[in-house]
Amino acid sequence: MRAINYIVTTLFLSLLGINSAMAEQGSIEIKIEVKKVEITTVYGEKKVREVEAKTVVPGDELLYTVFFKNIDRVPVDNIAINDPIPDATRYKEGSAFGAGTEITFSVDGGKSYAKPDDLTVTNKKGETRKAQAEDYTNIQWVFRPKLAPGKTGTAQFRVIVK
């Protein structure tokens, strides 16, 4: 049980401590919510629900939701939200979402971002290959529309606990 609680604490702290948001102008407030995704089958029908992530084990799926809010008095645009993918997890391919956002990924710890088709990784032998979802280290959402004062937006992604 101690290891499971450690994983949850590590996941929360790794994301909460490094998450950042920048805008061309103004101030943005960020809040993060983590939920465990439970999938059950009842009478042959698949049910998906999100529950509090009190404990997790390898194979569990977690949903991260980033809430961002313009706390300034002027509209803000080009909001960039940069989020690391926690070390004890791997990104679930195709799960990143954010209405009005351009989503890119990093394979170098957030130093550079690109669309999945443009990402490559190089192994210790110097061989380069197309990056896979499990190679991603960070996600970036850029919210292009103007966000009026007091208005909010969300960005989401899912991970699988290693």
N, C-alpha and C. Protein backbone atom coordinates (compact mmCIF):
# COMPACT_ATOMS: atom_id res chain seq x y z
N MET A 1 0.83 -1.19 0.00
CA MET A 1 0.00 0.00 0.00
C MET A 1 0.87 1.25 0.00
N ARG A 2 1.99 1.19 0.69
CA ARG A 2 2.88 2.35 0.74
C ARG A 2 3.37 2.72 -0.66
N ALA A 3 3.72 1.72 -1.48
CA ALA A 3 4.20 2.00 -2.84
C ALA A 3 3.12 2.66 -3.68
N ILE A 4 1.89 2.21 -3.53
CA ILE A 4 0.79 2.79 -4.30
C ILE A 4 0.58 4.24 -3.90
N ASN A 5 0.56 4.52 -2.60
CA ASN A 5 0.40 5.90 -2.14
C ASN A 5 1.56 6.77 -2.62
N TYR A 6 2.76 6.20 -2.65
CA TYR A 6 3.92 6.94 -3.14
C TYR A 6 3.74 7.32 -4.61
N ILE A 7 3.24 6.37 -5.41
CA ILE A 7 3.03 6.65 -6.83
C ILE A 7 2.03 7.79 -6.99
N VAL A 8 0.93 7.75 -6.25
CA VAL A 8 -0.08 8.81 -6.35
C VAL A 8 0.53 10.14 -5.96
N THR A 9 1.26 10.17 -4.85
CA THR A 9 1.89 11.42 -4.40
C THR A 9 2.88 11.92 -5.44
N THR A 10 3.68 11.03 -5.98
CA THR A 10 4.66 11.41 -7.00
C THR A 10 3.97 11.97 -8.24
N LEU A 11 2.90 11.30 -8.68
CA LEU A 11 2.17 11.78 -9.85
C LEU A 11 1.63 13.18 -9.62
N PHE A 12 1.01 13.40 -8.47
CA PHE A 12 0.44 14.71 -8.18
C PHE A 12 1.52 15.76 -8.10
N LEU A 13 2.58 15.49 -7.37
CA LEU A 13 3.63 16.49 -7.18
C LEU A 13 4.39 16.76 -8.46
N SER A 14 4.63 15.73 -9.25
CA SER A 14 5.39 15.96 -10.48
C SER A 14 4.62 16.85 -11.44
N LEU A 15 3.31 16.70 -11.49
CA LEU A 15 2.53 17.54 -12.39
C LEU A 15 2.28 18.91 -11.79
N LEU A 16 1.90 18.96 -10.54
CA LEU A 16 1.58 20.24 -9.92
C LEU A 16 2.79 21.15 -9.80
N GLY A 17 3.95 20.58 -9.58
CA GLY A 17 5.13 21.40 -9.36
C GLY A 17 5.74 21.98 -10.62
N ILE A 18 5.48 21.41 -11.78
CA ILE A 18 6.18 21.82 -12.99
C ILE A 18 5.25 22.50 -14.00
N ASN A 19 3.95 22.29 -13.87
CA ASN A 19 3.01 22.86 -14.83
C ASN A 19 3.19 24.36 -14.96
N SER A 20 3.09 24.86 -16.16
CA SER A 20 3.22 26.31 -16.36
C SER A 20 2.28 26.77 -17.45
N ALA A 21 1.96 28.06 -17.39
CA ALA A 21 1.14 28.68 -18.43
C ALA A 21 1.71 30.05 -18.70
N MET A 22 1.78 30.41 -19.96
CA MET A 22 2.26 31.73 -20.35
C MET A 22 1.28 32.30 -21.36
N ALA A 23 1.16 33.61 -21.35
CA ALA A 23 0.32 34.29 -22.33
C ALA A 23 1.08 35.49 -22.84
N GLU A 24 0.71 35.95 -24.03
CA GLU A 24 1.40 37.12 -24.58
C GLU A 24 1.19 38.35 -23.71
N GLN A 25 0.07 38.36 -22.99
CA GLN A 25 -0.23 39.47 -22.11
C GLN A 25 -1.16 38.95 -21.02
N GLY A 26 -1.16 39.56 -19.85
CA GLY A 26 -2.11 39.19 -18.81
C GLY A 26 -1.66 38.06 -17.93
N SER A 27 -2.57 37.69 -17.02
CA SER A 27 -2.28 36.68 -16.01
C SER A 27 -3.26 35.51 -16.14
N ILE A 28 -2.73 34.32 -16.01
CA ILE A 28 -3.51 33.10 -16.12
C ILE A 28 -3.38 32.31 -14.82
N GLU A 29 -4.51 31.83 -14.31
CA GLU A 29 -4.53 30.98 -13.12
C GLU A 29 -4.73 29.54 -13.60
N ILE A 30 -3.97 28.62 -13.01
CA ILE A 30 -4.02 27.21 -13.40
C ILE A 30 -4.46 26.36 -12.20
N LYS A 31 -5.37 25.43 -12.45
CA LYS A 31 -5.75 24.43 -11.45
C LYS A 31 -5.76 23.08 -12.16
N ILE A 32 -5.36 22.03 -11.43
CA ILE A 32 -5.27 20.70 -12.02
C ILE A 32 -6.09 19.71 -11.22
N GLU A 33 -6.79 18.85 -11.93
CA GLU A 33 -7.59 17.80 -11.29
C GLU A 33 -7.14 16.46 -11.88
N VAL A 34 -6.97 15.47 -11.02
CA VAL A 34 -6.59 14.13 -11.47
C VAL A 34 -7.67 13.16 -11.05
N LYS A 35 -8.18 12.40 -12.00
CA LYS A 35 -9.21 11.40 -11.73
C LYS A 35 -8.75 10.05 -12.27
N LYS A 36 -9.15 9.00 -11.60
CA LYS A 36 -8.89 7.65 -12.07
C LYS A 36 -10.07 7.24 -12.96
N VAL A 37 -9.78 6.65 -14.10
CA VAL A 37 -10.82 6.21 -15.03
C VAL A 37 -11.11 4.74 -14.75
N GLU A 38 -12.36 4.46 -14.40
CA GLU A 38 -12.78 3.08 -14.16
C GLU A 38 -13.72 2.64 -15.27
N ILE A 39 -13.43 1.48 -15.84
CA ILE A 39 -14.27 0.92 -16.89
C ILE A 39 -14.83 -0.39 -16.38
N THR A 40 -16.14 -0.50 -16.36
CA THR A 40 -16.80 -1.72 -15.92
C THR A 40 -17.78 -2.17 -17.00
N THR A 41 -18.14 -3.43 -16.95
CA THR A 41 -19.13 -3.96 -17.87
C THR A 41 -20.31 -4.46 -17.05
N VAL A 42 -21.49 -3.91 -17.34
CA VAL A 42 -22.71 -4.30 -16.65
C VAL A 42 -23.71 -4.78 -17.69
N TYR A 43 -24.10 -6.04 -17.59
CA TYR A 43 -25.03 -6.64 -18.56
C TYR A 43 -24.57 -6.42 -20.00
N GLY A 44 -23.28 -6.58 -20.22
CA GLY A 44 -22.73 -6.47 -21.56
C GLY A 44 -22.50 -5.04 -22.04
N GLU A 45 -22.86 -4.07 -21.21
CA GLU A 45 -22.68 -2.66 -21.59
C GLU A 45 -21.50 -2.06 -20.84
N LYS A 46 -20.59 -1.46 -21.60
CA LYS A 46 -19.39 -0.86 -21.01
C LYS A 46 -19.75 0.48 -20.37
N LYS A 47 -19.35 0.66 -19.12
CA LYS A 47 -19.58 1.92 -18.39
C LYS A 47 -18.24 2.52 -18.01
N VAL A 48 -18.08 3.82 -18.28
CA VAL A 48 -16.86 4.53 -17.94
C VAL A 48 -17.21 5.60 -16.93
N ARG A 49 -16.45 5.65 -15.84
CA ARG A 49 -16.67 6.71 -14.86
C ARG A 49 -15.34 7.20 -14.32
N GLU A 50 -15.35 8.43 -13.88
CA GLU A 50 -14.15 9.05 -13.32
C GLU A 50 -14.33 9.16 -11.81
N VAL A 51 -13.35 8.64 -11.07
CA VAL A 51 -13.42 8.64 -9.61
C VAL A 51 -12.17 9.28 -9.04
N GLU A 52 -12.23 9.61 -7.77
CA GLU A 52 -11.07 10.18 -7.09
C GLU A 52 -9.90 9.20 -7.16
N ALA A 53 -8.72 9.71 -7.43
CA ALA A 53 -7.53 8.85 -7.58
C ALA A 53 -6.82 8.70 -6.24
N LYS A 54 -7.48 8.02 -5.30
CA LYS A 54 -6.89 7.83 -3.97
C LYS A 54 -5.69 6.90 -4.03
N THR A 55 -5.86 5.78 -4.70
CA THR A 55 -4.76 4.83 -4.89
C THR A 55 -4.77 4.36 -6.34
N VAL A 56 -3.59 4.10 -6.85
CA VAL A 56 -3.46 3.60 -8.22
C VAL A 56 -2.44 2.48 -8.25
N VAL A 57 -2.59 1.62 -9.24
CA VAL A 57 -1.65 0.51 -9.43
C VAL A 57 -1.25 0.51 -10.91
N PRO A 58 -0.16 -0.17 -11.24
CA PRO A 58 0.23 -0.25 -12.65
C PRO A 58 -0.94 -0.74 -13.51
N GLY A 59 -1.11 -0.08 -14.64
CA GLY A 59 -2.20 -0.40 -15.55
C GLY A 59 -3.40 0.52 -15.41
N ASP A 60 -3.51 1.22 -14.28
CA ASP A 60 -4.63 2.16 -14.10
C ASP A 60 -4.51 3.33 -15.07
N GLU A 61 -5.66 3.84 -15.49
CA GLU A 61 -5.70 5.00 -16.37
C GLU A 61 -6.11 6.23 -15.56
N LEU A 62 -5.37 7.32 -15.74
CA LEU A 62 -5.66 8.57 -15.05
C LEU A 62 -5.99 9.65 -16.06
N LEU A 63 -6.95 10.50 -15.71
CA LEU A 63 -7.34 11.63 -16.53
C LEU A 63 -6.90 12.91 -15.83
N TYR A 64 -6.04 13.67 -16.49
CA TYR A 64 -5.59 14.97 -15.98
C TYR A 64 -6.38 16.05 -16.69
N THR A 65 -6.98 16.94 -15.92
CA THR A 65 -7.69 18.09 -16.48
C THR A 65 -7.02 19.35 -15.96
N VAL A 66 -6.60 20.19 -16.87
CA VAL A 66 -5.98 21.47 -16.53
C VAL A 66 -7.02 22.55 -16.79
N PHE A 67 -7.39 23.27 -15.74
CA PHE A 67 -8.33 24.39 -15.86
C PHE A 67 -7.51 25.67 -15.90
N PHE A 68 -7.74 26.52 -16.88
CA PHE A 68 -7.04 27.80 -16.92
C PHE A 68 -8.06 28.93 -16.98
N LYS A 69 -7.72 30.03 -16.29
CA LYS A 69 -8.64 31.16 -16.17
C LYS A 69 -7.89 32.47 -16.35
N ASN A 70 -8.48 33.38 -17.10
CA ASN A 70 -7.91 34.72 -17.26
C ASN A 70 -8.28 35.53 -16.02
N ILE A 71 -7.30 35.84 -15.17
CA ILE A 71 -7.56 36.61 -13.96
C ILE A 71 -7.14 38.07 -14.11
N ASP A 72 -6.90 38.46 -15.35
CA ASP A 72 -6.53 39.84 -15.64
C ASP A 72 -7.77 40.64 -16.04
N ARG A 73 -7.60 41.92 -16.26
CA ARG A 73 -8.71 42.81 -16.65
C ARG A 73 -8.81 42.97 -18.17
N VAL A 74 -7.88 42.37 -18.89
CA VAL A 74 -7.87 42.49 -20.35
C VAL A 74 -7.92 41.09 -20.98
N PRO A 75 -8.42 40.98 -22.21
CA PRO A 75 -8.40 39.68 -22.88
C PRO A 75 -6.96 39.19 -23.08
N VAL A 76 -6.80 37.89 -23.06
CA VAL A 76 -5.49 37.26 -23.21
C VAL A 76 -5.56 36.29 -24.38
N ASP A 77 -4.50 36.24 -25.21
CA ASP A 77 -4.47 35.26 -26.28
C ASP A 77 -3.12 34.56 -26.32
N ASN A 78 -3.03 33.55 -27.16
CA ASN A 78 -1.81 32.74 -27.28
C ASN A 78 -1.34 32.21 -25.93
N ILE A 79 -2.26 31.60 -25.20
CA ILE A 79 -1.94 31.02 -23.90
C ILE A 79 -1.27 29.67 -24.14
N ALA A 80 -0.05 29.51 -23.65
CA ALA A 80 0.68 28.25 -23.79
C ALA A 80 0.70 27.53 -22.45
N ILE A 81 0.14 26.33 -22.42
CA ILE A 81 0.14 25.51 -21.21
C ILE A 81 1.08 24.35 -21.46
N ASN A 82 2.11 24.24 -20.62
CA ASN A 82 3.11 23.19 -20.76
C ASN A 82 2.98 22.23 -19.59
N ASP A 83 2.80 20.96 -19.88
CA ASP A 83 2.60 19.96 -18.84
C ASP A 83 3.54 18.78 -19.05
N PRO A 84 4.25 18.38 -18.00
CA PRO A 84 5.05 17.15 -18.11
C PRO A 84 4.15 15.93 -18.00
N ILE A 85 4.56 14.86 -18.61
CA ILE A 85 3.90 13.57 -18.42
C ILE A 85 4.63 12.94 -17.24
N PRO A 86 3.93 12.65 -16.15
CA PRO A 86 4.60 12.15 -14.95
C PRO A 86 5.47 10.92 -15.24
N ASP A 87 6.62 10.86 -14.56
CA ASP A 87 7.60 9.79 -14.78
C ASP A 87 7.04 8.38 -14.61
N ALA A 88 6.16 8.19 -13.66
CA ALA A 88 5.65 6.84 -13.37
C ALA A 88 4.49 6.46 -14.29
N THR A 89 4.33 7.19 -15.40
CA THR A 89 3.23 6.93 -16.33
C THR A 89 3.70 7.00 -17.77
N ARG A 90 2.81 6.60 -18.68
CA ARG A 90 3.04 6.80 -20.10
C ARG A 90 1.79 7.42 -20.69
N TYR A 91 1.97 8.31 -21.65
CA TYR A 91 0.86 9.00 -22.29
C TYR A 91 -0.01 8.02 -23.06
N LYS A 92 -1.33 8.16 -22.95
CA LYS A 92 -2.26 7.34 -23.73
C LYS A 92 -2.49 8.03 -25.07
N GLU A 93 -2.04 7.37 -26.12
CA GLU A 93 -2.08 7.96 -27.47
C GLU A 93 -3.48 8.45 -27.83
N GLY A 94 -3.51 9.67 -28.39
CA GLY A 94 -4.76 10.25 -28.87
C GLY A 94 -5.66 10.82 -27.79
N SER A 95 -5.19 10.89 -26.56
CA SER A 95 -6.07 11.32 -25.46
C SER A 95 -6.02 12.81 -25.15
N ALA A 96 -5.06 13.54 -25.68
CA ALA A 96 -4.96 14.98 -25.37
C ALA A 96 -6.09 15.73 -26.07
N PHE A 97 -6.69 16.66 -25.33
CA PHE A 97 -7.80 17.44 -25.86
C PHE A 97 -7.79 18.84 -25.27
N GLY A 98 -8.21 19.79 -26.05
CA GLY A 98 -8.39 21.15 -25.57
C GLY A 98 -9.08 21.96 -26.65
N ALA A 99 -10.33 22.34 -26.43
CA ALA A 99 -11.08 23.11 -27.44
C ALA A 99 -10.36 24.41 -27.73
N GLY A 100 -10.18 24.71 -29.01
CA GLY A 100 -9.53 25.95 -29.41
C GLY A 100 -8.02 25.95 -29.24
N THR A 101 -7.44 24.75 -29.04
CA THR A 101 -5.99 24.68 -28.81
C THR A 101 -5.28 23.94 -29.92
N GLU A 102 -4.01 24.26 -30.07
CA GLU A 102 -3.10 23.50 -30.92
C GLU A 102 -2.28 22.66 -29.95
N ILE A 103 -2.26 21.34 -30.15
CA ILE A 103 -1.59 20.43 -29.22
C ILE A 103 -0.31 19.90 -29.85
N THR A 104 0.79 20.04 -29.13
CA THR A 104 2.08 19.50 -29.57
C THR A 104 2.72 18.73 -28.41
N PHE A 105 3.75 17.96 -28.74
CA PHE A 105 4.40 17.10 -27.76
C PHE A 105 5.90 17.31 -27.78
N SER A 106 6.54 16.88 -26.70
CA SER A 106 8.00 16.95 -26.59
C SER A 106 8.53 15.56 -26.25
N VAL A 107 9.72 15.27 -26.75
CA VAL A 107 10.41 14.03 -26.39
C VAL A 107 11.74 14.35 -25.71
N ASP A 108 11.96 15.63 -25.40
CA ASP A 108 13.23 16.06 -24.81
C ASP A 108 13.04 16.85 -23.51
N GLY A 109 12.01 16.49 -22.75
CA GLY A 109 11.80 17.14 -21.46
C GLY A 109 11.23 18.55 -21.56
N GLY A 110 10.61 18.88 -22.67
CA GLY A 110 9.97 20.19 -22.81
C GLY A 110 10.85 21.26 -23.43
N LYS A 111 12.02 20.88 -23.95
CA LYS A 111 12.89 21.87 -24.59
C LYS A 111 12.34 22.29 -25.95
N SER A 112 11.70 21.35 -26.66
CA SER A 112 11.11 21.66 -27.96
C SER A 112 9.81 20.87 -28.11
N TYR A 113 8.91 21.40 -28.94
CA TYR A 113 7.60 20.78 -29.15
C TYR A 113 7.32 20.68 -30.64
N ALA A 114 6.58 19.62 -31.03
CA ALA A 114 6.18 19.43 -32.42
C ALA A 114 4.97 18.51 -32.47
N LYS A 115 4.34 18.45 -33.64
CA LYS A 115 3.24 17.51 -33.87
C LYS A 115 3.82 16.09 -33.85
N PRO A 116 3.01 15.09 -33.48
CA PRO A 116 3.52 13.71 -33.39
C PRO A 116 4.25 13.21 -34.63
N ASP A 117 3.76 13.53 -35.82
CA ASP A 117 4.41 13.05 -37.05
C ASP A 117 5.79 13.64 -37.28
N ASP A 118 6.10 14.74 -36.59
CA ASP A 118 7.39 15.40 -36.77
C ASP A 118 8.40 15.08 -35.67
N LEU A 119 8.03 14.22 -34.73
CA LEU A 119 8.92 13.89 -33.61
C LEU A 119 9.72 12.63 -33.89
N THR A 120 11.00 12.68 -33.57
CA THR A 120 11.87 11.50 -33.68
C THR A 120 12.68 11.36 -32.40
N VAL A 121 13.16 10.15 -32.15
CA VAL A 121 14.06 9.89 -31.03
C VAL A 121 15.27 9.13 -31.57
N THR A 122 16.39 9.32 -30.91
CA THR A 122 17.63 8.67 -31.31
C THR A 122 18.09 7.78 -30.16
N ASN A 123 18.41 6.52 -30.47
CA ASN A 123 18.87 5.61 -29.42
C ASN A 123 20.37 5.78 -29.18
N LYS A 124 20.91 4.99 -28.26
CA LYS A 124 22.32 5.10 -27.88
C LYS A 124 23.28 4.75 -29.02
N LYS A 125 22.78 3.99 -30.00
CA LYS A 125 23.60 3.63 -31.15
C LYS A 125 23.57 4.70 -32.24
N GLY A 126 22.78 5.76 -32.01
CA GLY A 126 22.68 6.83 -33.00
C GLY A 126 21.61 6.60 -34.05
N GLU A 127 20.80 5.56 -33.87
CA GLU A 127 19.73 5.26 -34.82
C GLU A 127 18.49 6.09 -34.48
N THR A 128 17.91 6.70 -35.51
CA THR A 128 16.74 7.55 -35.31
C THR A 128 15.49 6.84 -35.79
N ARG A 129 14.41 7.01 -35.04
CA ARG A 129 13.12 6.44 -35.42
C ARG A 129 12.02 7.43 -35.06
N LYS A 130 10.84 7.21 -35.63
CA LYS A 130 9.68 8.05 -35.33
C LYS A 130 9.31 7.84 -33.86
N ALA A 131 9.03 8.93 -33.16
CA ALA A 131 8.65 8.84 -31.75
C ALA A 131 7.28 8.19 -31.61
N GLN A 132 7.14 7.41 -30.56
CA GLN A 132 5.87 6.78 -30.21
C GLN A 132 5.29 7.51 -28.99
N ALA A 133 4.03 7.28 -28.69
CA ALA A 133 3.38 7.94 -27.56
C ALA A 133 4.14 7.72 -26.25
N GLU A 134 4.71 6.55 -26.07
CA GLU A 134 5.44 6.28 -24.82
C GLU A 134 6.75 7.06 -24.73
N ASP A 135 7.20 7.67 -25.82
CA ASP A 135 8.41 8.50 -25.81
C ASP A 135 8.13 9.93 -25.36
N TYR A 136 6.87 10.35 -25.38
CA TYR A 136 6.53 11.73 -25.05
C TYR A 136 6.86 12.03 -23.59
N THR A 137 7.46 13.19 -23.37
CA THR A 137 7.80 13.63 -22.01
C THR A 137 6.94 14.80 -21.56
N ASN A 138 6.41 15.56 -22.49
CA ASN A 138 5.63 16.75 -22.17
C ASN A 138 4.56 16.98 -23.24
N ILE A 139 3.52 17.71 -22.83
CA ILE A 139 2.46 18.12 -23.75
C ILE A 139 2.33 19.63 -23.66
N GLN A 140 2.06 20.26 -24.80
CA GLN A 140 1.82 21.70 -24.81
C GLN A 140 0.51 21.98 -25.56
N TRP A 141 -0.33 22.81 -24.94
CA TRP A 141 -1.54 23.30 -25.58
C TRP A 141 -1.35 24.80 -25.78
N VAL A 142 -1.61 25.30 -26.98
CA VAL A 142 -1.59 26.75 -27.21
C VAL A 142 -3.02 27.15 -27.57
N PHE A 143 -3.61 27.94 -26.68
CA PHE A 143 -4.98 28.43 -26.86
C PHE A 143 -4.91 29.73 -27.63
N ARG A 144 -5.34 29.71 -28.88
CA ARG A 144 -5.19 30.87 -29.78
C ARG A 144 -6.26 31.95 -29.60
N PRO A 145 -7.55 31.58 -29.41
CA PRO A 145 -8.56 32.65 -29.32
C PRO A 145 -8.31 33.56 -28.12
N LYS A 146 -8.86 34.76 -28.18
CA LYS A 146 -8.76 35.66 -27.03
C LYS A 146 -9.64 35.10 -25.91
N LEU A 147 -9.09 35.07 -24.71
CA LEU A 147 -9.83 34.62 -23.53
C LEU A 147 -10.18 35.87 -22.72
N ALA A 148 -11.47 36.16 -22.64
CA ALA A 148 -11.94 37.37 -21.97
C ALA A 148 -11.67 37.29 -20.46
N PRO A 149 -11.60 38.44 -19.80
CA PRO A 149 -11.40 38.46 -18.35
C PRO A 149 -12.45 37.59 -17.63
N GLY A 150 -11.97 36.78 -16.69
CA GLY A 150 -12.86 35.91 -15.92
C GLY A 150 -13.26 34.63 -16.61
N LYS A 151 -12.98 34.48 -17.88
CA LYS A 151 -13.37 33.28 -18.63
C LYS A 151 -12.35 32.16 -18.41
N THR A 152 -12.80 30.93 -18.65
CA THR A 152 -11.98 29.75 -18.40
C THR A 152 -11.89 28.86 -19.63
N GLY A 153 -10.93 27.95 -19.60
CA GLY A 153 -10.78 26.92 -20.61
C GLY A 153 -10.24 25.67 -19.94
N THR A 154 -10.25 24.56 -20.66
CA THR A 154 -9.71 23.32 -20.12
C THR A 154 -8.85 22.61 -21.16
N ALA A 155 -7.92 21.83 -20.65
CA ALA A 155 -7.08 20.96 -21.48
C ALA A 155 -7.00 19.63 -20.74
N GLN A 156 -7.01 18.52 -21.47
CA GLN A 156 -6.99 17.21 -20.83
C GLN A 156 -6.04 16.26 -21.53
N PHE A 157 -5.60 15.27 -20.75
CA PHE A 157 -4.88 14.14 -21.32
C PHE A 157 -4.98 12.97 -20.36
N ARG A 158 -4.74 11.77 -20.90
CA ARG A 158 -4.79 10.55 -20.08
C ARG A 158 -3.42 9.88 -20.10
N VAL A 159 -3.14 9.21 -19.00
CA VAL A 159 -1.91 8.44 -18.88
C VAL A 159 -2.25 7.07 -18.31
N ILE A 160 -1.33 6.13 -18.52
CA ILE A 160 -1.42 4.80 -17.94
C ILE A 160 -0.29 4.68 -16.94
N VAL A 161 -0.60 4.22 -15.72
CA VAL A 161 0.41 4.06 -14.68
C VAL A 161 1.30 2.88 -15.04
N LYS A 162 2.63 3.10 -14.98
CA LYS A 162 3.60 2.04 -15.31
C LYS A 162 3.73 1.06 -14.14
